[in-house]
Every structure is written in C-alpha cells, then in structure tokens.
Amino acid sequence: MIGRLNHVAIAVPDLAAASARYRDLLGAQVGPPQALPEHGVTLVFIDAGNSKVELLEPLGADSPIAAFLARSPGGGMHHICFEVPDIRAAAATLAAGGARILGDGTPRTGAHGKPVLFLHPKEFDGTLIELEEV
C-alpha cells in the first residue's frame, strides 16, 4: 500500500531558529514558511534530495504541535509521512484491518495541497503516521 517516504516532521519551538540551523549548519535548502491554520501549524520543508524534512511550529495555543511541545519543550520527531496512490482505498483497507484513523476519517488537504490522513500512533509502535495521496 505505502509508497516512498515523503517526509519526516519535526516539531520545533522556534521555526526561524530551526530553519537557520538547517540552512546555515547543514547547508540545506529551506523553503518558505507556510501557515496552515486548518492544521494549526506554520511549517517549512527542507529538501533532502530523496525526501523532505518538515519543521512544524504551533500556530496558536490550540495547535496539536503546542500540545506536543508542552510534553517535549525542546521539540522532536512528530510524525512520518508515506505516499499512497489512493488515500480512500488506503483508509478503507486500514479501517477494515482495525487501524484507527484520526479525526472523522475524511481526508483533509495537507501542506502540498493533496489529501492526507493521520493514523493513531498506538497502531504503529508509538509513531504518528501521515498518509498523503500522490
């Protein structure tokens, strides 16, 4: 079902500082900040050649990233994202297998303008999984 790894997302308390570290210390190509109010985040993508790193900063106190940073103030890995060819078919297969899809199970538009779903971390060894249709 899953395709290639699309990105690894890292929650950060300061997006500008984290972006500067990746750019200045690692020589990474850092994209422009994108605010996604519907997801409660501001993010940047870092091009890693064969994949991406997504840095996430909370956009408001109700952001899921704010809750994550309350538990891990220094930041850390938030989720990994895999590509799927058909997100609705993937959701049906996962639900039939007993996996919990977060939210109401309806795909939402993600940062790349494509449908995404998140899978409960308890189903995947403590790791939050995002699926993105490509």
N, C-alpha and C. Protein backbone atom coordinates (compact mmCIF):
# COMPACT_ATOMS: atom_id res chain seq x y z
N MET A 1 0.82 -1.19 0.00
CA MET A 1 0.00 0.00 0.00
C MET A 1 0.86 1.25 0.00
N ILE A 2 1.83 1.36 0.96
CA ILE A 2 2.58 2.60 1.04
C ILE A 2 3.64 2.67 -0.05
N GLY A 3 3.90 3.89 -0.45
CA GLY A 3 4.96 4.17 -1.41
C GLY A 3 6.17 4.72 -0.69
N ARG A 4 6.80 5.67 -1.32
CA ARG A 4 8.04 6.20 -0.76
C ARG A 4 7.78 7.07 0.46
N LEU A 5 8.83 7.24 1.25
CA LEU A 5 8.77 8.15 2.38
C LEU A 5 8.72 9.56 1.82
N ASN A 6 7.69 10.32 2.18
CA ASN A 6 7.55 11.68 1.69
C ASN A 6 8.33 12.64 2.57
N HIS A 7 8.12 12.56 3.89
CA HIS A 7 8.85 13.43 4.80
C HIS A 7 8.82 12.91 6.24
N VAL A 8 9.76 13.43 7.01
CA VAL A 8 9.79 13.25 8.46
C VAL A 8 9.51 14.63 9.04
N ALA A 9 8.54 14.73 9.95
CA ALA A 9 8.16 16.00 10.54
C ALA A 9 8.74 16.14 11.93
N ILE A 10 9.31 17.31 12.20
CA ILE A 10 9.92 17.61 13.49
C ILE A 10 9.24 18.84 14.07
N ALA A 11 8.69 18.71 15.27
CA ALA A 11 8.09 19.85 15.96
C ALA A 11 9.22 20.67 16.57
N VAL A 12 9.14 21.99 16.39
CA VAL A 12 10.18 22.89 16.91
C VAL A 12 9.52 24.05 17.65
N PRO A 13 10.17 24.54 18.70
CA PRO A 13 9.60 25.68 19.41
C PRO A 13 9.82 27.01 18.70
N ASP A 14 10.81 27.09 17.81
CA ASP A 14 11.12 28.33 17.11
C ASP A 14 11.48 28.00 15.66
N LEU A 15 10.54 28.21 14.76
CA LEU A 15 10.70 27.83 13.36
C LEU A 15 11.84 28.59 12.69
N ALA A 16 11.95 29.88 12.95
CA ALA A 16 13.01 30.67 12.32
C ALA A 16 14.39 30.18 12.76
N ALA A 17 14.55 29.91 14.05
CA ALA A 17 15.85 29.44 14.55
C ALA A 17 16.18 28.05 14.00
N ALA A 18 15.19 27.17 13.99
CA ALA A 18 15.43 25.82 13.47
C ALA A 18 15.76 25.87 11.98
N SER A 19 15.04 26.69 11.23
CA SER A 19 15.30 26.83 9.79
C SER A 19 16.73 27.32 9.55
N ALA A 20 17.15 28.30 10.35
CA ALA A 20 18.50 28.85 10.21
C ALA A 20 19.55 27.78 10.50
N ARG A 21 19.33 26.94 11.51
CA ARG A 21 20.29 25.88 11.81
C ARG A 21 20.42 24.91 10.64
N TYR A 22 19.30 24.48 10.08
CA TYR A 22 19.35 23.55 8.95
C TYR A 22 20.03 24.20 7.75
N ARG A 23 19.73 25.48 7.50
CA ARG A 23 20.32 26.18 6.36
C ARG A 23 21.80 26.46 6.59
N ASP A 24 22.14 27.05 7.74
CA ASP A 24 23.50 27.53 7.97
C ASP A 24 24.47 26.44 8.39
N LEU A 25 24.03 25.51 9.22
CA LEU A 25 24.93 24.47 9.70
C LEU A 25 24.97 23.24 8.80
N LEU A 26 23.82 22.89 8.21
CA LEU A 26 23.77 21.69 7.37
C LEU A 26 23.80 22.01 5.88
N GLY A 27 23.69 23.28 5.52
CA GLY A 27 23.69 23.66 4.11
C GLY A 27 22.44 23.24 3.37
N ALA A 28 21.33 23.10 4.09
CA ALA A 28 20.08 22.61 3.49
C ALA A 28 19.34 23.71 2.73
N GLN A 29 18.60 23.28 1.74
CA GLN A 29 17.69 24.16 1.02
C GLN A 29 16.39 24.22 1.82
N VAL A 30 16.10 25.37 2.41
CA VAL A 30 14.93 25.55 3.27
C VAL A 30 13.90 26.37 2.50
N GLY A 31 12.69 25.81 2.39
CA GLY A 31 11.61 26.51 1.70
C GLY A 31 11.03 27.63 2.55
N PRO A 32 10.11 28.38 1.98
CA PRO A 32 9.49 29.48 2.71
C PRO A 32 8.49 28.97 3.75
N PRO A 33 8.28 29.73 4.82
CA PRO A 33 7.27 29.33 5.82
C PRO A 33 5.87 29.33 5.20
N GLN A 34 5.08 28.35 5.60
CA GLN A 34 3.69 28.24 5.16
C GLN A 34 2.81 28.12 6.41
N ALA A 35 1.84 29.01 6.53
CA ALA A 35 0.87 28.91 7.63
C ALA A 35 -0.29 28.05 7.16
N LEU A 36 -0.64 27.05 7.95
CA LEU A 36 -1.78 26.17 7.65
C LEU A 36 -2.74 26.23 8.84
N PRO A 37 -3.60 27.27 8.90
CA PRO A 37 -4.50 27.41 10.04
C PRO A 37 -5.39 26.20 10.28
N GLU A 38 -5.80 25.51 9.21
CA GLU A 38 -6.68 24.35 9.37
C GLU A 38 -5.98 23.20 10.08
N HIS A 39 -4.65 23.21 10.10
CA HIS A 39 -3.88 22.19 10.81
C HIS A 39 -3.22 22.75 12.07
N GLY A 40 -3.32 24.07 12.27
CA GLY A 40 -2.77 24.69 13.46
C GLY A 40 -1.26 24.79 13.48
N VAL A 41 -0.63 24.89 12.29
CA VAL A 41 0.82 24.92 12.22
C VAL A 41 1.32 25.96 11.21
N THR A 42 2.55 26.37 11.45
CA THR A 42 3.36 27.02 10.42
C THR A 42 4.51 26.06 10.17
N LEU A 43 4.88 25.88 8.91
CA LEU A 43 5.89 24.89 8.59
C LEU A 43 6.82 25.37 7.50
N VAL A 44 7.94 24.69 7.41
CA VAL A 44 8.84 24.82 6.27
C VAL A 44 9.23 23.41 5.86
N PHE A 45 9.51 23.25 4.58
CA PHE A 45 10.05 21.99 4.09
C PHE A 45 11.51 22.18 3.75
N ILE A 46 12.29 21.19 4.10
CA ILE A 46 13.71 21.15 3.79
C ILE A 46 13.90 20.04 2.78
N ASP A 47 14.51 20.38 1.65
CA ASP A 47 14.75 19.40 0.60
C ASP A 47 15.95 18.54 0.99
N ALA A 48 15.72 17.25 1.13
CA ALA A 48 16.79 16.32 1.47
C ALA A 48 17.17 15.44 0.28
N GLY A 49 16.80 15.87 -0.92
CA GLY A 49 17.13 15.11 -2.12
C GLY A 49 16.14 14.00 -2.39
N ASN A 50 16.23 12.92 -1.63
CA ASN A 50 15.35 11.77 -1.84
C ASN A 50 14.09 11.84 -0.99
N SER A 51 13.99 12.85 -0.13
CA SER A 51 12.83 13.02 0.74
C SER A 51 12.86 14.46 1.26
N LYS A 52 12.02 14.73 2.26
CA LYS A 52 11.97 16.06 2.86
C LYS A 52 11.94 15.94 4.38
N VAL A 53 12.34 17.02 5.03
CA VAL A 53 12.14 17.19 6.45
C VAL A 53 11.18 18.35 6.59
N GLU A 54 10.17 18.17 7.42
CA GLU A 54 9.17 19.21 7.65
C GLU A 54 9.37 19.71 9.08
N LEU A 55 9.63 21.01 9.22
CA LEU A 55 9.72 21.61 10.55
C LEU A 55 8.39 22.26 10.85
N LEU A 56 7.82 21.95 12.02
CA LEU A 56 6.49 22.42 12.42
C LEU A 56 6.57 23.29 13.66
N GLU A 57 5.91 24.42 13.61
CA GLU A 57 5.78 25.31 14.77
C GLU A 57 4.30 25.53 15.02
N PRO A 58 3.85 25.58 16.28
CA PRO A 58 2.43 25.78 16.55
C PRO A 58 1.93 27.12 16.03
N LEU A 59 0.73 27.11 15.53
CA LEU A 59 0.05 28.32 15.09
C LEU A 59 -1.12 28.50 16.05
N GLY A 60 -0.83 29.06 17.22
CA GLY A 60 -1.86 29.25 18.23
C GLY A 60 -1.78 28.21 19.33
N ALA A 61 -2.43 28.53 20.44
CA ALA A 61 -2.39 27.67 21.63
C ALA A 61 -3.16 26.36 21.44
N ASP A 62 -4.11 26.32 20.52
CA ASP A 62 -4.91 25.11 20.30
C ASP A 62 -4.27 24.13 19.32
N SER A 63 -3.10 24.46 18.82
CA SER A 63 -2.41 23.62 17.86
C SER A 63 -2.01 22.29 18.48
N PRO A 64 -2.13 21.19 17.72
CA PRO A 64 -1.62 19.92 18.23
C PRO A 64 -0.10 19.97 18.47
N ILE A 65 0.58 20.85 17.76
CA ILE A 65 2.02 20.98 17.96
C ILE A 65 2.31 21.68 19.28
N ALA A 66 1.44 22.61 19.70
CA ALA A 66 1.60 23.24 21.02
C ALA A 66 1.50 22.18 22.11
N ALA A 67 0.55 21.27 21.97
CA ALA A 67 0.40 20.18 22.96
C ALA A 67 1.64 19.28 22.95
N PHE A 68 2.16 18.98 21.77
CA PHE A 68 3.36 18.16 21.65
C PHE A 68 4.54 18.84 22.35
N LEU A 69 4.71 20.16 22.09
CA LEU A 69 5.82 20.90 22.68
C LEU A 69 5.66 21.08 24.20
N ALA A 70 4.42 21.05 24.69
CA ALA A 70 4.21 21.10 26.14
C ALA A 70 4.80 19.85 26.80
N ARG A 71 4.72 18.71 26.10
CA ARG A 71 5.28 17.46 26.61
C ARG A 71 6.78 17.34 26.33
N SER A 72 7.22 17.95 25.22
CA SER A 72 8.62 17.88 24.79
C SER A 72 9.07 19.29 24.41
N PRO A 73 9.38 20.14 25.38
CA PRO A 73 9.65 21.56 25.12
C PRO A 73 10.77 21.83 24.12
N GLY A 74 11.72 20.93 24.02
CA GLY A 74 12.82 21.13 23.08
C GLY A 74 12.48 20.73 21.67
N GLY A 75 11.31 20.13 21.47
CA GLY A 75 10.92 19.65 20.14
C GLY A 75 11.25 18.18 19.97
N GLY A 76 11.04 17.69 18.76
CA GLY A 76 11.34 16.30 18.45
C GLY A 76 10.53 15.80 17.29
N MET A 77 10.78 14.55 16.92
CA MET A 77 10.07 13.97 15.79
C MET A 77 8.58 13.89 16.09
N HIS A 78 7.77 14.39 15.19
CA HIS A 78 6.33 14.40 15.39
C HIS A 78 5.64 13.29 14.61
N HIS A 79 5.98 13.14 13.32
CA HIS A 79 5.36 12.08 12.51
C HIS A 79 6.22 11.78 11.29
N ILE A 80 5.88 10.66 10.64
CA ILE A 80 6.47 10.36 9.34
C ILE A 80 5.33 10.24 8.34
N CYS A 81 5.62 10.62 7.10
CA CYS A 81 4.60 10.63 6.05
C CYS A 81 5.00 9.72 4.91
N PHE A 82 4.08 8.83 4.56
CA PHE A 82 4.27 7.95 3.42
C PHE A 82 3.29 8.31 2.31
N GLU A 83 3.70 8.10 1.09
CA GLU A 83 2.82 8.34 -0.05
C GLU A 83 1.98 7.10 -0.34
N VAL A 84 0.73 7.35 -0.76
CA VAL A 84 -0.16 6.28 -1.20
C VAL A 84 -0.81 6.73 -2.50
N PRO A 85 -1.12 5.79 -3.40
CA PRO A 85 -1.73 6.18 -4.67
C PRO A 85 -3.21 6.55 -4.55
N ASP A 86 -3.91 5.98 -3.58
CA ASP A 86 -5.35 6.22 -3.43
C ASP A 86 -5.66 6.27 -1.94
N ILE A 87 -5.85 7.46 -1.41
CA ILE A 87 -6.00 7.62 0.04
C ILE A 87 -7.30 7.01 0.56
N ARG A 88 -8.36 7.07 -0.22
CA ARG A 88 -9.64 6.49 0.23
C ARG A 88 -9.55 4.97 0.28
N ALA A 89 -8.89 4.37 -0.69
CA ALA A 89 -8.70 2.92 -0.67
C ALA A 89 -7.81 2.53 0.50
N ALA A 90 -6.76 3.32 0.75
CA ALA A 90 -5.88 3.04 1.89
C ALA A 90 -6.66 3.14 3.19
N ALA A 91 -7.50 4.16 3.33
CA ALA A 91 -8.31 4.33 4.55
C ALA A 91 -9.25 3.14 4.74
N ALA A 92 -9.86 2.69 3.67
CA ALA A 92 -10.79 1.54 3.77
C ALA A 92 -10.04 0.28 4.21
N THR A 93 -8.88 0.04 3.63
CA THR A 93 -8.08 -1.13 3.99
C THR A 93 -7.64 -1.05 5.45
N LEU A 94 -7.19 0.12 5.87
CA LEU A 94 -6.74 0.30 7.25
C LEU A 94 -7.89 0.11 8.24
N ALA A 95 -9.04 0.72 7.95
CA ALA A 95 -10.20 0.60 8.84
C ALA A 95 -10.66 -0.85 8.92
N ALA A 96 -10.65 -1.55 7.79
CA ALA A 96 -11.05 -2.96 7.78
C ALA A 96 -10.09 -3.80 8.61
N GLY A 97 -8.83 -3.37 8.68
CA GLY A 97 -7.84 -4.10 9.47
C GLY A 97 -7.80 -3.69 10.93
N GLY A 98 -8.65 -2.73 11.30
CA GLY A 98 -8.73 -2.32 12.69
C GLY A 98 -7.88 -1.13 13.07
N ALA A 99 -7.19 -0.52 12.11
CA ALA A 99 -6.37 0.65 12.42
C ALA A 99 -7.27 1.87 12.64
N ARG A 100 -6.89 2.70 13.60
CA ARG A 100 -7.65 3.92 13.88
C ARG A 100 -7.11 5.08 13.05
N ILE A 101 -8.03 5.73 12.37
CA ILE A 101 -7.70 6.93 11.61
C ILE A 101 -8.14 8.11 12.46
N LEU A 102 -7.25 9.08 12.63
CA LEU A 102 -7.57 10.22 13.47
C LEU A 102 -8.59 11.13 12.80
N GLY A 103 -9.30 11.89 13.62
CA GLY A 103 -10.36 12.75 13.10
C GLY A 103 -11.57 11.93 12.75
N ASP A 104 -12.30 12.40 11.75
CA ASP A 104 -13.51 11.68 11.35
C ASP A 104 -13.25 10.69 10.21
N GLY A 105 -11.98 10.51 9.85
CA GLY A 105 -11.64 9.56 8.79
C GLY A 105 -11.69 10.14 7.40
N THR A 106 -12.10 11.39 7.29
CA THR A 106 -12.18 12.04 5.98
C THR A 106 -10.85 12.71 5.67
N PRO A 107 -10.28 12.45 4.49
CA PRO A 107 -9.03 13.11 4.15
C PRO A 107 -9.19 14.64 4.15
N ARG A 108 -8.12 15.30 4.61
CA ARG A 108 -8.07 16.77 4.59
C ARG A 108 -6.95 17.18 3.66
N THR A 109 -6.97 18.42 3.22
CA THR A 109 -5.91 18.92 2.36
C THR A 109 -4.68 19.23 3.20
N GLY A 110 -3.55 18.67 2.79
CA GLY A 110 -2.30 18.86 3.51
C GLY A 110 -1.46 19.99 2.94
N ALA A 111 -0.23 20.08 3.40
CA ALA A 111 0.67 21.18 3.03
C ALA A 111 1.02 21.20 1.55
N HIS A 112 0.96 20.05 0.89
CA HIS A 112 1.26 20.00 -0.54
C HIS A 112 0.01 20.16 -1.40
N GLY A 113 -1.12 20.48 -0.75
CA GLY A 113 -2.37 20.63 -1.50
C GLY A 113 -2.99 19.31 -1.89
N LYS A 114 -2.55 18.23 -1.26
CA LYS A 114 -3.04 16.89 -1.58
C LYS A 114 -3.75 16.31 -0.37
N PRO A 115 -4.64 15.32 -0.57
CA PRO A 115 -5.36 14.72 0.56
C PRO A 115 -4.42 13.96 1.49
N VAL A 116 -4.66 14.14 2.80
CA VAL A 116 -3.86 13.45 3.82
C VAL A 116 -4.77 12.87 4.90
N LEU A 117 -4.26 11.84 5.57
CA LEU A 117 -4.89 11.24 6.75
C LEU A 117 -3.79 10.94 7.76
N PHE A 118 -4.16 10.94 9.04
CA PHE A 118 -3.22 10.57 10.09
C PHE A 118 -3.73 9.31 10.78
N LEU A 119 -2.80 8.42 11.11
CA LEU A 119 -3.12 7.15 11.76
C LEU A 119 -2.64 7.19 13.20
N HIS A 120 -3.45 6.65 14.09
CA HIS A 120 -3.16 6.71 15.52
C HIS A 120 -1.82 6.05 15.82
N PRO A 121 -0.99 6.72 16.63
CA PRO A 121 0.33 6.16 16.93
C PRO A 121 0.30 4.83 17.68
N LYS A 122 -0.77 4.56 18.42
CA LYS A 122 -0.84 3.28 19.14
C LYS A 122 -0.91 2.09 18.18
N GLU A 123 -1.33 2.33 16.97
CA GLU A 123 -1.41 1.26 15.97
C GLU A 123 -0.06 0.98 15.33
N PHE A 124 0.88 1.94 15.45
CA PHE A 124 2.14 1.84 14.73
C PHE A 124 3.34 2.09 15.65
N ASP A 125 3.37 1.34 16.74
CA ASP A 125 4.52 1.31 17.64
C ASP A 125 4.90 2.68 18.18
N GLY A 126 3.89 3.51 18.47
CA GLY A 126 4.13 4.82 19.05
C GLY A 126 4.47 5.91 18.06
N THR A 127 4.33 5.63 16.78
CA THR A 127 4.68 6.62 15.76
C THR A 127 3.43 7.11 15.05
N LEU A 128 3.23 8.41 15.03
CA LEU A 128 2.14 9.00 14.26
C LEU A 128 2.50 8.90 12.79
N ILE A 129 1.58 8.35 12.00
CA ILE A 129 1.80 8.15 10.57
C ILE A 129 0.84 9.06 9.81
N GLU A 130 1.39 9.77 8.84
CA GLU A 130 0.58 10.53 7.90
C GLU A 130 0.65 9.82 6.55
N LEU A 131 -0.50 9.73 5.90
CA LEU A 131 -0.53 9.21 4.52
C LEU A 131 -0.93 10.37 3.62
N GLU A 132 -0.24 10.49 2.50
CA GLU A 132 -0.53 11.55 1.53
C GLU A 132 -0.74 10.93 0.16
N GLU A 133 -1.85 11.29 -0.46
CA GLU A 133 -2.14 10.78 -1.80
C GLU A 133 -1.26 11.48 -2.82
N VAL A 134 -0.66 10.70 -3.70
CA VAL A 134 0.16 11.28 -4.77
C VAL A 134 -0.30 10.79 -6.12
